[in-house]
Amino acid sequence: MTEESTPKWEGKAMAELPATDPQLTWQVLEDFCNVHKWLPIETCYHVEGLSGQPGLVRYCASTVEEEGVGDDAEKTTTLKWAKEKLLEIDPVQRCLTYEVGENNLGFMSYVATIKVLPMNQDGSKIEWSFVSDPVQGWSFQDLNSLIESYLEFMVKKIELACNTN
């Protein structure tokens, strides 16, 4: 009897920073343990490993407010967290790959690659691709939309930081 494997989810989001040099964009993204400065999460910090080296593990977390059930149900707050491990980092190609390890978000397997590409003469483009097992309680579109919204948020923050003199 053969086991049927559940197909992986694969997605990609891209965003342009037309006035931000690729090297400036990369300097933001290669700082693996400071992603909370660029994404809508509350905290991110170094757990283990050497900064800028494969094997580095970060802890990311945010408090999420959830609706209660029933007429008089109160909203509850839950800490959503994940430990993420840097698998590869290439400053010449300006790309990094990481995986989600321990978490309470429902991820069984999630690996993402983020690349910074040159665009036109002075701009850059960020490409965020991922491969994931299906996540219980989510649709593929839910995950893809989350990645797209995170990338959009990140681009606005990077443009603001890099282009304000």
Protein backbone atom coordinates (compact mmCIF):
# COMPACT_ATOMS: atom_id res chain seq x y z
CA MET A 1 0.00 0.00 0.00
CA THR A 2 1.46 3.37 -0.97
CA GLU A 3 1.17 6.49 1.11
CA GLU A 4 -0.26 9.49 -0.64
CA SER A 5 1.75 12.58 0.13
CA THR A 6 0.04 15.89 0.53
CA PRO A 7 1.26 18.33 -2.10
CA LYS A 8 3.45 21.16 -0.84
CA TRP A 9 2.35 24.75 -1.10
CA GLU A 10 4.72 26.87 -3.17
CA GLY A 11 4.38 30.60 -3.53
CA LYS A 12 6.27 33.73 -4.45
CA ALA A 13 5.74 37.42 -3.80
CA MET A 14 7.69 40.27 -5.32
CA ALA A 15 7.89 43.95 -4.52
CA GLU A 16 9.83 46.81 -6.08
CA LEU A 17 11.83 49.55 -4.40
CA PRO A 18 12.47 51.80 -7.42
CA ALA A 19 14.56 54.35 -5.50
CA THR A 20 16.46 52.05 -3.12
CA ASP A 21 19.85 50.64 -4.04
CA PRO A 22 20.03 46.81 -3.85
CA GLN A 23 22.93 46.94 -1.40
CA LEU A 24 20.94 49.14 1.01
CA THR A 25 17.96 46.79 0.74
CA TRP A 26 20.23 43.81 1.38
CA GLN A 27 21.79 45.44 4.47
CA VAL A 28 18.32 45.54 6.02
CA LEU A 29 17.44 41.93 5.19
CA GLU A 30 20.75 40.29 6.08
CA ASP A 31 20.30 41.49 9.69
CA PHE A 32 18.37 38.28 10.42
CA CYS A 33 17.54 38.93 14.08
CA ASN A 34 16.11 42.42 13.58
CA VAL A 35 13.23 41.53 11.30
CA HIS A 36 10.80 43.08 13.83
CA LYS A 37 12.04 46.48 12.64
CA TRP A 38 10.73 45.75 9.15
CA LEU A 39 7.72 43.43 9.64
CA PRO A 40 4.55 43.87 11.70
CA ILE A 41 5.74 41.65 14.55
CA GLU A 42 6.48 42.72 18.11
CA THR A 43 9.76 41.01 18.87
CA CYS A 44 12.62 39.16 17.27
CA TYR A 45 15.85 38.19 18.94
CA HIS A 46 18.92 35.98 18.64
CA VAL A 47 18.57 32.54 20.27
CA GLU A 48 21.68 30.68 19.15
CA GLY A 49 24.38 30.53 16.50
CA LEU A 50 26.69 33.12 15.01
CA SER A 51 25.29 36.33 13.56
CA GLY A 52 25.21 36.25 9.76
CA GLN A 53 26.06 32.53 9.59
CA PRO A 54 23.96 29.48 8.67
CA GLY A 55 22.65 27.86 11.84
CA LEU A 56 21.65 31.19 13.42
CA VAL A 57 18.27 30.84 15.17
CA ARG A 58 15.91 33.73 15.89
CA TYR A 59 12.73 33.86 17.98
CA CYS A 60 9.86 35.94 16.56
CA ALA A 61 6.61 36.67 18.38
CA SER A 62 3.50 38.83 18.40
CA THR A 63 0.40 39.07 20.53
CA VAL A 64 -2.76 38.39 18.55
CA GLU A 65 -6.27 39.31 19.63
CA GLU A 66 -8.83 36.61 18.84
CA GLU A 67 -12.60 36.79 18.86
CA GLY A 68 -14.43 34.71 21.44
CA VAL A 69 -17.32 32.38 20.60
CA GLY A 70 -20.93 33.11 21.55
CA ASP A 71 -22.94 36.23 22.37
CA ASP A 72 -21.08 37.30 25.49
CA ALA A 73 -17.66 35.92 24.57
CA GLU A 74 -14.69 38.12 25.31
CA LYS A 75 -11.74 38.65 23.07
CA THR A 76 -8.64 36.79 24.14
CA THR A 77 -5.00 37.51 23.43
CA THR A 78 -2.58 34.80 22.40
CA LEU A 79 1.17 34.94 21.92
CA LYS A 80 1.99 33.57 18.45
CA TRP A 81 5.65 32.62 18.06
CA ALA A 82 8.18 30.79 15.93
CA LYS A 83 11.85 29.90 16.02
CA GLU A 84 13.42 30.39 12.60
CA LYS A 85 16.78 29.02 11.48
CA LEU A 86 19.01 30.60 8.87
CA LEU A 87 19.95 27.84 6.43
CA GLU A 88 21.93 29.78 3.81
CA ILE A 89 23.10 33.34 3.35
CA ASP A 90 24.94 34.72 0.33
CA PRO A 91 25.90 38.42 0.51
CA VAL A 92 27.26 38.37 -3.06
CA GLN A 93 23.99 37.09 -4.55
CA ARG A 94 22.05 38.99 -1.83
CA CYS A 95 19.85 36.07 -0.80
CA LEU A 96 19.06 34.07 2.32
CA THR A 97 17.08 30.94 3.07
CA TYR A 98 15.48 30.11 6.41
CA GLU A 99 13.11 27.55 7.88
CA VAL A 100 10.46 27.72 10.57
CA GLY A 101 11.22 25.29 13.39
CA GLU A 102 9.35 25.10 16.68
CA ASN A 103 6.22 27.27 16.56
CA ASN A 104 2.60 27.56 17.62
CA LEU A 105 1.42 28.90 14.26
CA GLY A 106 0.61 25.51 12.75
CA PHE A 107 3.64 25.17 10.46
CA MET A 108 4.94 21.62 10.07
CA SER A 109 7.42 22.54 7.36
CA TYR A 110 8.13 26.00 5.92
CA VAL A 111 11.25 27.10 4.03
CA ALA A 112 11.58 30.56 2.50
CA THR A 113 14.16 32.24 0.31
CA ILE A 114 14.42 36.01 0.15
CA LYS A 115 16.42 37.59 -2.67
CA VAL A 116 17.31 41.20 -3.42
CA LEU A 117 17.63 41.86 -7.14
CA PRO A 118 18.77 44.98 -8.96
CA MET A 119 16.06 46.91 -10.81
CA ASN A 120 16.63 49.65 -13.38
CA GLN A 121 19.61 51.83 -12.48
CA ASP A 122 19.03 52.76 -8.85
CA GLY A 123 16.33 50.44 -7.62
CA SER A 124 15.89 46.99 -6.20
CA LYS A 125 13.32 44.23 -6.07
CA ILE A 126 12.65 41.78 -3.24
CA GLU A 127 11.56 38.25 -4.13
CA TRP A 128 10.16 36.13 -1.25
CA SER A 129 9.49 32.52 -2.23
CA PHE A 130 8.37 29.68 0.02
CA VAL A 131 7.63 25.97 0.13
CA SER A 132 5.38 24.77 2.94
CA ASP A 133 3.32 21.83 4.02
CA PRO A 134 -0.35 22.81 4.16
CA VAL A 135 -1.11 24.62 7.42
CA GLN A 136 -4.09 23.41 9.42
CA GLY A 137 -6.84 26.03 9.50
CA TRP A 138 -5.30 28.03 6.64
CA SER A 139 -5.77 27.99 2.89
CA PHE A 140 -2.88 28.43 0.48
CA GLN A 141 -4.31 31.86 -0.34
CA ASP A 142 -4.27 32.81 3.37
CA LEU A 143 -0.54 32.09 3.57
CA ASN A 144 0.26 33.70 0.24
CA SER A 145 -1.72 36.82 1.19
CA LEU A 146 0.14 37.02 4.52
CA ILE A 147 3.51 36.88 2.73
CA GLU A 148 2.37 39.53 0.23
CA SER A 149 1.14 41.85 3.02
CA TYR A 150 4.37 41.36 5.02
CA LEU A 151 6.43 42.15 1.94
CA GLU A 152 4.37 45.26 1.18
CA PHE A 153 4.78 46.43 4.80
CA MET A 154 8.53 45.72 4.67
CA VAL A 155 9.05 47.62 1.41
CA LYS A 156 7.34 50.73 2.79
CA LYS A 157 9.50 50.67 5.94
CA ILE A 158 12.73 50.07 3.97
CA GLU A 159 11.97 52.85 1.48
CA LEU A 160 11.22 55.24 4.32
CA ALA A 161 14.40 54.34 6.21
CA CYS A 162 16.75 54.30 3.21
CA ASN A 163 15.42 57.32 1.36
CA THR A 164 15.03 59.77 4.23
CA ASN A 165 17.95 62.16 4.48
